[in-house]
Amino acid sequence: MERMRKAQAAMEYLITYGWAVLIMLVVVGVLFYLGVFTQNPAPACTFQNPGFTCYAYKLTSNTGNRGGIILDLGQGTGHDIKVVGFNCTTSNVFTVTDFDAATSNVTIPTGSHSMLNWSITNLIPLVCYKPDGSKLGTPDAGSYYRGKIYIHYWDLETNMDHKVTGDISGRVE
């Protein structure tokens, strides 16, 4: 009789805590499914060179079957500049040899900002590239993108050209 009580107590213990462990596993599974533990940081756009800011930006998937970016670039270098080239890539090393001359030579007065895109009248995104230099395929809306921005510009006061590098990340729209 004594053995039966011990066995019953042991079974009750295992069943009670078994349910608790099962519920905890289900909760953790749901949290993983909802993306609570994803490693994607908050959206960001920063430049390594002082004087440049991302006033606003949008990562997009509908750029003629490839991923792209619309960038409102702010500059406070102390001189007016003319942006003559742009590149966006997922590579940490700049492997694409040419900048896209897609910005139509946008002039940005110091302390101001302007849109960088393929067209002066329409917000057509600039194309982003893969590390091998090929154009980025069409990323899914909602997917996460992280890459580098390279901008080639002329300082209109000194008539010297410069290149700046930035980092960009966020969800594709």
N, C-alpha and C. Protein backbone atom coordinates (compact mmCIF):
# COMPACT_ATOMS: atom_id res chain seq x y z
N MET A 1 0.81 -1.19 0.00
CA MET A 1 0.00 0.00 0.00
C MET A 1 0.86 1.26 0.00
N GLU A 2 1.95 1.18 0.78
CA GLU A 2 2.88 2.31 0.87
C GLU A 2 3.53 2.58 -0.49
N ARG A 3 3.86 1.51 -1.20
CA ARG A 3 4.49 1.67 -2.52
C ARG A 3 3.53 2.29 -3.51
N MET A 4 2.26 1.98 -3.42
CA MET A 4 1.26 2.53 -4.32
C MET A 4 1.14 4.04 -4.13
N ARG A 5 1.17 4.50 -2.87
CA ARG A 5 1.07 5.94 -2.60
C ARG A 5 2.29 6.68 -3.16
N LYS A 6 3.47 6.06 -2.98
CA LYS A 6 4.68 6.69 -3.51
C LYS A 6 4.64 6.75 -5.04
N ALA A 7 4.17 5.69 -5.66
CA ALA A 7 4.07 5.65 -7.11
C ALA A 7 3.06 6.69 -7.60
N GLN A 8 1.92 6.79 -6.90
CA GLN A 8 0.90 7.76 -7.28
C GLN A 8 1.44 9.18 -7.10
N ALA A 9 2.15 9.45 -6.04
CA ALA A 9 2.73 10.78 -5.81
C ALA A 9 3.76 11.11 -6.89
N ALA A 10 4.55 10.12 -7.26
CA ALA A 10 5.55 10.33 -8.31
C ALA A 10 4.89 10.64 -9.64
N MET A 11 3.83 9.91 -9.98
CA MET A 11 3.10 10.15 -11.23
C MET A 11 2.46 11.52 -11.24
N GLU A 12 1.83 11.91 -10.13
CA GLU A 12 1.22 13.24 -10.05
C GLU A 12 2.27 14.33 -10.22
N TYR A 13 3.43 14.14 -9.62
CA TYR A 13 4.52 15.10 -9.73
C TYR A 13 4.95 15.24 -11.19
N LEU A 14 5.17 14.10 -11.87
CA LEU A 14 5.61 14.13 -13.25
C LEU A 14 4.57 14.75 -14.17
N ILE A 15 3.32 14.41 -13.98
CA ILE A 15 2.26 14.94 -14.84
C ILE A 15 2.08 16.44 -14.62
N THR A 16 2.06 16.87 -13.37
CA THR A 16 1.88 18.30 -13.07
C THR A 16 3.01 19.13 -13.68
N TYR A 17 4.25 18.76 -13.41
CA TYR A 17 5.38 19.53 -13.94
C TYR A 17 5.60 19.28 -15.43
N GLY A 18 5.16 18.14 -15.92
CA GLY A 18 5.22 17.88 -17.36
C GLY A 18 4.36 18.86 -18.13
N TRP A 19 3.14 19.11 -17.62
CA TRP A 19 2.27 20.09 -18.26
C TRP A 19 2.88 21.49 -18.20
N ALA A 20 3.48 21.83 -17.09
CA ALA A 20 4.11 23.15 -16.95
C ALA A 20 5.24 23.32 -17.97
N VAL A 21 6.06 22.30 -18.13
CA VAL A 21 7.16 22.35 -19.09
C VAL A 21 6.61 22.43 -20.51
N LEU A 22 5.57 21.66 -20.81
CA LEU A 22 4.96 21.68 -22.13
C LEU A 22 4.41 23.07 -22.46
N ILE A 23 3.73 23.69 -21.51
CA ILE A 23 3.18 25.04 -21.72
C ILE A 23 4.31 26.04 -21.96
N MET A 24 5.40 25.93 -21.20
CA MET A 24 6.54 26.83 -21.40
C MET A 24 7.15 26.66 -22.79
N LEU A 25 7.26 25.43 -23.27
CA LEU A 25 7.79 25.18 -24.60
C LEU A 25 6.89 25.78 -25.68
N VAL A 26 5.58 25.66 -25.51
CA VAL A 26 4.64 26.24 -26.47
C VAL A 26 4.77 27.76 -26.50
N VAL A 27 4.88 28.39 -25.34
CA VAL A 27 5.02 29.85 -25.26
C VAL A 27 6.31 30.30 -25.95
N VAL A 28 7.41 29.62 -25.69
CA VAL A 28 8.68 29.97 -26.33
C VAL A 28 8.58 29.78 -27.85
N GLY A 29 7.93 28.71 -28.29
CA GLY A 29 7.74 28.48 -29.72
C GLY A 29 6.93 29.59 -30.37
N VAL A 30 5.87 30.03 -29.72
CA VAL A 30 5.05 31.12 -30.25
C VAL A 30 5.88 32.41 -30.33
N LEU A 31 6.68 32.69 -29.31
CA LEU A 31 7.52 33.90 -29.33
C LEU A 31 8.53 33.86 -30.48
N PHE A 32 9.13 32.71 -30.74
CA PHE A 32 10.03 32.59 -31.88
C PHE A 32 9.28 32.80 -33.18
N TYR A 33 8.09 32.23 -33.30
CA TYR A 33 7.29 32.37 -34.50
C TYR A 33 6.93 33.83 -34.77
N LEU A 34 6.64 34.58 -33.72
CA LEU A 34 6.27 35.99 -33.86
C LEU A 34 7.48 36.89 -34.11
N GLY A 35 8.69 36.36 -34.03
CA GLY A 35 9.88 37.14 -34.34
C GLY A 35 10.43 37.96 -33.20
N VAL A 36 10.06 37.63 -31.98
CA VAL A 36 10.54 38.38 -30.83
C VAL A 36 12.05 38.25 -30.68
N PHE A 37 12.62 37.14 -31.10
CA PHE A 37 14.04 36.89 -30.90
C PHE A 37 14.87 37.12 -32.17
N THR A 38 14.34 37.85 -33.18
CA THR A 38 15.10 38.10 -34.40
C THR A 38 16.26 39.04 -34.11
N GLN A 39 17.31 38.90 -34.90
CA GLN A 39 18.53 39.67 -34.69
C GLN A 39 18.58 40.95 -35.52
N ASN A 40 17.52 41.29 -36.26
CA ASN A 40 17.53 42.48 -37.08
C ASN A 40 17.45 43.73 -36.23
N PRO A 41 18.45 44.61 -36.33
CA PRO A 41 18.41 45.84 -35.55
C PRO A 41 17.38 46.81 -36.10
N ALA A 42 17.19 47.90 -35.42
CA ALA A 42 16.24 48.92 -35.86
C ALA A 42 16.72 49.53 -37.17
N PRO A 43 15.80 50.03 -37.99
CA PRO A 43 16.20 50.68 -39.24
C PRO A 43 17.16 51.83 -38.96
N ALA A 44 18.18 51.94 -39.81
CA ALA A 44 19.17 52.99 -39.60
C ALA A 44 19.79 53.40 -40.93
N CYS A 45 20.20 54.65 -41.00
CA CYS A 45 20.93 55.18 -42.14
C CYS A 45 21.93 56.18 -41.59
N THR A 46 23.20 55.84 -41.64
CA THR A 46 24.24 56.70 -41.08
C THR A 46 25.42 56.80 -42.05
N PHE A 47 26.12 57.92 -41.98
CA PHE A 47 27.32 58.13 -42.79
C PHE A 47 28.54 58.20 -41.90
N GLN A 48 29.65 57.69 -42.40
CA GLN A 48 30.91 57.73 -41.66
C GLN A 48 31.54 59.11 -41.72
N ASN A 49 31.20 59.88 -42.75
CA ASN A 49 31.75 61.21 -42.92
C ASN A 49 30.86 62.24 -42.24
N PRO A 50 31.44 63.18 -41.50
CA PRO A 50 30.61 64.22 -40.88
C PRO A 50 30.01 65.13 -41.94
N GLY A 51 28.84 65.66 -41.63
CA GLY A 51 28.19 66.59 -42.54
C GLY A 51 27.13 65.96 -43.42
N PHE A 52 26.99 64.65 -43.38
CA PHE A 52 25.99 63.98 -44.22
C PHE A 52 24.99 63.23 -43.35
N THR A 53 23.72 63.33 -43.72
CA THR A 53 22.65 62.64 -43.00
C THR A 53 21.63 62.10 -43.98
N CYS A 54 20.95 61.07 -43.55
CA CYS A 54 19.80 60.56 -44.29
C CYS A 54 18.59 61.29 -43.74
N TYR A 55 18.09 62.25 -44.49
CA TYR A 55 16.93 63.00 -44.04
C TYR A 55 15.71 62.07 -44.00
N ALA A 56 15.60 61.24 -45.02
CA ALA A 56 14.56 60.21 -45.10
C ALA A 56 15.01 59.19 -46.14
N TYR A 57 14.51 57.96 -46.05
CA TYR A 57 14.85 56.96 -47.05
C TYR A 57 13.78 55.89 -47.08
N LYS A 58 13.76 55.17 -48.21
CA LYS A 58 12.81 54.07 -48.37
C LYS A 58 13.50 52.97 -49.17
N LEU A 59 13.51 51.77 -48.63
CA LEU A 59 14.00 50.60 -49.34
C LEU A 59 12.81 49.97 -50.04
N THR A 60 12.94 49.73 -51.33
CA THR A 60 11.78 49.28 -52.09
C THR A 60 12.10 48.03 -52.90
N SER A 61 11.07 47.26 -53.19
CA SER A 61 11.26 46.03 -53.97
C SER A 61 10.81 46.20 -55.41
N ASN A 62 10.09 47.26 -55.75
CA ASN A 62 9.58 47.38 -57.12
C ASN A 62 10.37 48.41 -57.92
N THR A 63 11.60 48.05 -58.27
CA THR A 63 12.46 48.90 -59.07
C THR A 63 12.75 48.19 -60.38
N GLY A 64 11.71 47.85 -61.11
CA GLY A 64 11.91 47.12 -62.36
C GLY A 64 12.59 45.78 -62.14
N ASN A 65 12.01 44.95 -61.30
CA ASN A 65 12.52 43.61 -60.98
C ASN A 65 13.85 43.60 -60.23
N ARG A 66 14.11 44.63 -59.45
CA ARG A 66 15.31 44.64 -58.61
C ARG A 66 15.09 45.57 -57.43
N GLY A 67 15.84 45.35 -56.37
CA GLY A 67 15.71 46.16 -55.17
C GLY A 67 16.38 47.51 -55.33
N GLY A 68 15.87 48.50 -54.61
CA GLY A 68 16.44 49.83 -54.73
C GLY A 68 16.17 50.69 -53.51
N ILE A 69 16.59 51.94 -53.62
CA ILE A 69 16.47 52.88 -52.51
C ILE A 69 16.12 54.26 -53.04
N ILE A 70 15.25 54.94 -52.30
CA ILE A 70 14.99 56.36 -52.50
C ILE A 70 15.60 57.04 -51.28
N LEU A 71 16.48 58.00 -51.52
CA LEU A 71 17.23 58.63 -50.43
C LEU A 71 17.09 60.14 -50.48
N ASP A 72 16.68 60.74 -49.37
CA ASP A 72 16.66 62.19 -49.22
C ASP A 72 17.92 62.54 -48.42
N LEU A 73 18.95 63.00 -49.12
CA LEU A 73 20.26 63.23 -48.53
C LEU A 73 20.38 64.65 -48.00
N GLY A 74 20.77 64.76 -46.74
CA GLY A 74 21.05 66.07 -46.14
C GLY A 74 22.54 66.27 -46.04
N GLN A 75 22.98 67.52 -46.23
CA GLN A 75 24.42 67.77 -46.14
C GLN A 75 24.67 69.10 -45.46
N GLY A 76 25.69 69.10 -44.62
CA GLY A 76 26.10 70.29 -43.90
C GLY A 76 27.61 70.41 -43.89
N THR A 77 28.21 70.29 -45.07
CA THR A 77 29.67 70.31 -45.18
C THR A 77 30.25 71.72 -45.12
N GLY A 78 29.40 72.73 -45.23
CA GLY A 78 29.89 74.10 -45.26
C GLY A 78 29.98 74.66 -46.66
N HIS A 79 29.85 73.81 -47.68
CA HIS A 79 29.89 74.23 -49.08
C HIS A 79 28.74 73.56 -49.82
N ASP A 80 28.27 74.19 -50.89
CA ASP A 80 27.29 73.55 -51.75
C ASP A 80 27.98 72.39 -52.47
N ILE A 81 27.23 71.32 -52.69
CA ILE A 81 27.79 70.15 -53.38
C ILE A 81 26.90 69.74 -54.54
N LYS A 82 27.49 69.01 -55.48
CA LYS A 82 26.74 68.42 -56.58
C LYS A 82 27.00 66.91 -56.55
N VAL A 83 25.95 66.14 -56.31
CA VAL A 83 26.06 64.68 -56.28
C VAL A 83 26.09 64.19 -57.73
N VAL A 84 27.18 63.49 -58.09
CA VAL A 84 27.34 63.03 -59.47
C VAL A 84 27.30 61.51 -59.59
N GLY A 85 27.30 60.80 -58.46
CA GLY A 85 27.25 59.34 -58.51
C GLY A 85 26.75 58.76 -57.21
N PHE A 86 26.19 57.55 -57.32
CA PHE A 86 25.60 56.89 -56.16
C PHE A 86 25.73 55.40 -56.36
N ASN A 87 25.91 54.68 -55.27
CA ASN A 87 25.87 53.23 -55.34
C ASN A 87 25.38 52.67 -54.02
N CYS A 88 24.65 51.60 -54.09
CA CYS A 88 24.11 50.91 -52.93
C CYS A 88 24.44 49.43 -53.12
N THR A 89 25.07 48.80 -52.12
CA THR A 89 25.49 47.41 -52.26
C THR A 89 25.40 46.68 -50.93
N THR A 90 25.26 45.37 -51.00
CA THR A 90 25.24 44.55 -49.79
C THR A 90 26.65 44.16 -49.37
N SER A 91 27.65 44.55 -50.16
CA SER A 91 29.04 44.21 -49.86
C SER A 91 29.64 45.19 -48.85
N ASN A 92 30.52 44.68 -47.98
CA ASN A 92 31.26 45.56 -47.08
C ASN A 92 32.46 46.18 -47.77
N VAL A 93 32.82 45.67 -48.94
CA VAL A 93 33.92 46.21 -49.73
C VAL A 93 33.32 46.69 -51.04
N PHE A 94 33.68 47.88 -51.46
CA PHE A 94 33.11 48.46 -52.68
C PHE A 94 33.71 47.76 -53.89
N THR A 95 32.97 46.81 -54.47
CA THR A 95 33.47 46.03 -55.60
C THR A 95 32.91 46.50 -56.93
N VAL A 96 31.85 47.30 -56.92
CA VAL A 96 31.29 47.80 -58.16
C VAL A 96 32.15 48.98 -58.59
N THR A 97 32.71 48.92 -59.80
CA THR A 97 33.70 49.91 -60.22
C THR A 97 33.09 51.27 -60.56
N ASP A 98 31.86 51.30 -61.01
CA ASP A 98 31.26 52.57 -61.43
C ASP A 98 30.13 52.96 -60.50
N PHE A 99 30.03 54.25 -60.28
CA PHE A 99 28.87 54.80 -59.59
C PHE A 99 27.76 54.95 -60.61
N ASP A 100 26.52 54.78 -60.17
CA ASP A 100 25.39 55.08 -61.04
C ASP A 100 25.26 56.59 -61.13
N ALA A 101 25.26 57.12 -62.34
CA ALA A 101 25.07 58.56 -62.53
C ALA A 101 23.57 58.82 -62.62
N ALA A 102 22.84 58.31 -61.66
CA ALA A 102 21.39 58.31 -61.71
C ALA A 102 20.78 59.54 -61.09
N THR A 103 21.58 60.35 -60.47
CA THR A 103 21.03 61.44 -59.68
C THR A 103 20.85 62.72 -60.47
N SER A 104 21.15 62.69 -61.77
CA SER A 104 21.01 63.86 -62.64
C SER A 104 21.76 65.06 -62.08
N ASN A 105 22.93 64.81 -61.48
CA ASN A 105 23.76 65.88 -60.94
C ASN A 105 22.99 66.79 -60.00
N VAL A 106 22.46 66.22 -58.95
CA VAL A 106 21.66 66.96 -57.97
C VAL A 106 22.56 67.89 -57.16
N THR A 107 22.22 69.18 -57.13
CA THR A 107 22.94 70.16 -56.32
C THR A 107 22.23 70.30 -54.98
N ILE A 108 23.01 70.21 -53.90
CA ILE A 108 22.44 70.34 -52.56
C ILE A 108 23.18 71.47 -51.84
N PRO A 109 22.48 72.59 -51.58
CA PRO A 109 23.11 73.68 -50.83
C PRO A 109 23.46 73.22 -49.41
N THR A 110 24.49 73.81 -48.83
CA THR A 110 24.88 73.44 -47.48
C THR A 110 23.73 73.73 -46.51
N GLY A 111 23.51 72.84 -45.57
CA GLY A 111 22.42 72.98 -44.61
C GLY A 111 21.07 72.60 -45.18
N SER A 112 21.05 71.93 -46.33
CA SER A 112 19.79 71.58 -46.98
C SER A 112 19.78 70.07 -47.27
N HIS A 113 18.74 69.63 -47.95
CA HIS A 113 18.63 68.22 -48.34
C HIS A 113 17.93 68.12 -49.67
N SER A 114 18.14 66.99 -50.36
CA SER A 114 17.52 66.78 -51.67
C SER A 114 17.39 65.28 -51.93
N MET A 115 16.42 64.93 -52.76
CA MET A 115 16.17 63.54 -53.12
C MET A 115 17.19 63.06 -54.15
N LEU A 116 17.69 61.84 -53.94
CA LEU A 116 18.54 61.17 -54.92
C LEU A 116 17.72 60.03 -55.49
N ASN A 117 17.44 60.09 -56.79
CA ASN A 117 16.66 59.05 -57.45
C ASN A 117 16.93 59.12 -58.95
N TRP A 118 16.36 58.18 -59.70
CA TRP A 118 16.63 58.10 -61.14
C TRP A 118 16.05 59.26 -61.93
N SER A 119 15.01 59.87 -61.46
CA SER A 119 14.31 60.88 -62.24
C SER A 119 14.13 62.15 -61.43
N ILE A 120 14.19 63.28 -62.09
CA ILE A 120 13.99 64.56 -61.40
C ILE A 120 12.52 64.72 -61.00
N THR A 121 11.60 64.24 -61.83
CA THR A 121 10.18 64.46 -61.58
C THR A 121 9.51 63.30 -60.85
N ASN A 122 10.03 62.10 -60.95
CA ASN A 122 9.40 60.94 -60.32
C ASN A 122 10.34 60.31 -59.30
N LEU A 123 9.76 59.73 -58.26
CA LEU A 123 10.57 59.04 -57.25
C LEU A 123 10.84 57.61 -57.69
N ILE A 124 11.76 57.45 -58.63
CA ILE A 124 12.15 56.13 -59.10
C ILE A 124 13.38 55.72 -58.31
N PRO A 125 13.34 54.61 -57.59
CA PRO A 125 14.45 54.23 -56.71
C PRO A 125 15.76 53.98 -57.45
N LEU A 126 16.86 54.27 -56.79
CA LEU A 126 18.19 53.91 -57.27
C LEU A 126 18.41 52.42 -57.03
N VAL A 127 19.13 51.76 -57.91
CA VAL A 127 19.33 50.32 -57.84
C VAL A 127 20.41 49.97 -56.82
N CYS A 128 20.21 48.87 -56.10
CA CYS A 128 21.22 48.34 -55.18
C CYS A 128 21.85 47.09 -55.80
N TYR A 129 23.09 46.78 -55.39
CA TYR A 129 23.85 45.69 -55.99
C TYR A 129 24.24 44.63 -54.96
N LYS A 130 24.54 43.44 -55.47
CA LYS A 130 25.06 42.34 -54.65
C LYS A 130 26.59 42.49 -54.53
N PRO A 131 27.22 41.72 -53.62
CA PRO A 131 28.68 41.82 -53.49
C PRO A 131 29.46 41.53 -54.78
N ASP A 132 28.91 40.69 -55.67
CA ASP A 132 29.63 40.37 -56.91
C ASP A 132 29.45 41.43 -58.00
N GLY A 133 28.67 42.49 -57.71
CA GLY A 133 28.48 43.57 -58.67
C GLY A 133 27.22 43.44 -59.51
N SER A 134 26.53 42.30 -59.43
CA SER A 134 25.29 42.15 -60.17
C SER A 134 24.16 42.86 -59.43
N LYS A 135 23.12 43.21 -60.17
CA LYS A 135 22.01 43.93 -59.56
C LYS A 135 21.27 43.03 -58.57
N LEU A 136 20.87 43.65 -57.47
CA LEU A 136 20.11 42.94 -56.45
C LEU A 136 18.79 42.50 -57.05
N GLY A 137 18.42 41.25 -56.82
CA GLY A 137 17.13 40.77 -57.30
C GLY A 137 16.00 41.48 -56.57
N THR A 138 14.79 41.11 -56.87
CA THR A 138 13.65 41.72 -56.21
C THR A 138 13.49 41.15 -54.82
N PRO A 139 13.82 41.94 -53.78
CA PRO A 139 13.63 41.43 -52.41
C PRO A 139 12.15 41.42 -52.07
N ASP A 140 11.75 40.51 -51.23
CA ASP A 140 10.36 40.44 -50.81
C ASP A 140 10.04 41.62 -49.90
N ALA A 141 8.84 42.18 -50.08
CA ALA A 141 8.39 43.24 -49.18
C ALA A 141 8.32 42.66 -47.77
N GLY A 142 8.84 43.40 -46.82
CA GLY A 142 8.88 42.94 -45.44
C GLY A 142 10.19 42.28 -45.06
N SER A 143 11.01 41.91 -46.08
CA SER A 143 12.31 41.32 -45.77
C SER A 143 13.26 42.40 -45.25
N TYR A 144 14.32 41.98 -44.62
CA TYR A 144 15.27 42.91 -44.01
C TYR A 144 16.46 43.11 -44.94
N TYR A 145 16.88 44.35 -45.11
CA TYR A 145 18.02 44.68 -45.97
C TYR A 145 19.07 45.40 -45.14
N ARG A 146 20.33 45.05 -45.36
CA ARG A 146 21.45 45.75 -44.73
C ARG A 146 22.54 45.89 -45.79
N GLY A 147 23.03 47.13 -45.98
CA GLY A 147 24.06 47.34 -46.98
C GLY A 147 24.81 48.64 -46.77
N LYS A 148 25.58 48.99 -47.79
CA LYS A 148 26.40 50.21 -47.79
C LYS A 148 25.89 51.17 -48.86
N ILE A 149 26.08 52.47 -48.59
CA ILE A 149 25.78 53.52 -49.55
C ILE A 149 27.09 54.22 -49.88
N TYR A 150 27.34 54.41 -51.17
CA TYR A 150 28.53 55.16 -51.61
C TYR A 150 28.05 56.34 -52.44
N ILE A 151 28.48 57.54 -52.09
CA ILE A 151 28.08 58.75 -52.81
C ILE A 151 29.33 59.48 -53.29
N HIS A 152 29.30 59.85 -54.58
CA HIS A 152 30.39 60.62 -55.20
C HIS A 152 29.84 62.02 -55.44
N TYR A 153 30.56 63.03 -54.95
CA TYR A 153 30.08 64.41 -55.11
C TYR A 153 31.24 65.36 -55.38
N TRP A 154 30.86 66.53 -55.94
CA TRP A 154 31.81 67.63 -56.17
C TRP A 154 31.51 68.74 -55.19
N ASP A 155 32.55 69.25 -54.53
CA ASP A 155 32.43 70.44 -53.70
C ASP A 155 32.47 71.62 -54.66
N LEU A 156 31.39 72.38 -54.76
CA LEU A 156 31.28 73.44 -55.76
C LEU A 156 32.14 74.66 -55.44
N GLU A 157 32.60 74.78 -54.22
CA GLU A 157 33.47 75.91 -53.86
C GLU A 157 34.93 75.61 -54.17
N THR A 158 35.37 74.39 -53.86
CA THR A 158 36.78 74.02 -54.08
C THR A 158 36.99 73.29 -55.40
N ASN A 159 35.90 72.89 -56.05
CA ASN A 159 35.92 72.13 -57.30
C ASN A 159 36.72 70.83 -57.17
N MET A 160 36.60 70.19 -55.99
CA MET A 160 37.23 68.88 -55.75
C MET A 160 36.14 67.83 -55.60
N ASP A 161 36.47 66.62 -56.08
CA ASP A 161 35.49 65.54 -55.92
C ASP A 161 35.83 64.73 -54.67
N HIS A 162 34.78 64.18 -54.05
CA HIS A 162 34.91 63.40 -52.82
C HIS A 162 33.97 62.21 -52.89
N LYS A 163 34.27 61.21 -52.07
CA LYS A 163 33.39 60.05 -51.95
C LYS A 163 33.10 59.83 -50.47
N VAL A 164 31.84 59.56 -50.14
CA VAL A 164 31.44 59.28 -48.76
C VAL A 164 30.78 57.91 -48.71
N THR A 165 30.87 57.29 -47.54
CA THR A 165 30.33 55.95 -47.32
C THR A 165 29.34 55.98 -46.17
N GLY A 166 28.26 55.25 -46.32
CA GLY A 166 27.27 55.15 -45.25
C GLY A 166 26.75 53.73 -45.11
N ASP A 167 26.05 53.49 -44.03
CA ASP A 167 25.41 52.20 -43.78
C ASP A 167 23.91 52.40 -43.77
N ILE A 168 23.20 51.43 -44.33
CA ILE A 168 21.73 51.52 -44.35
C ILE A 168 21.15 50.16 -44.02
N SER A 169 20.05 50.17 -43.28
CA SER A 169 19.36 48.92 -42.96
C SER A 169 17.90 49.23 -42.70
N GLY A 170 17.06 48.24 -42.94
CA GLY A 170 15.64 48.40 -42.69
C GLY A 170 14.82 47.38 -43.44
N ARG A 171 13.53 47.47 -43.28
CA ARG A 171 12.58 46.58 -43.95
C ARG A 171 12.28 47.10 -45.36
N VAL A 172 12.20 46.19 -46.29
CA VAL A 172 11.86 46.52 -47.67
C VAL A 172 10.35 46.73 -47.76
N GLU A 173 9.96 47.80 -48.44
CA GLU A 173 8.52 48.10 -48.60
C GLU A 173 8.05 47.75 -49.99
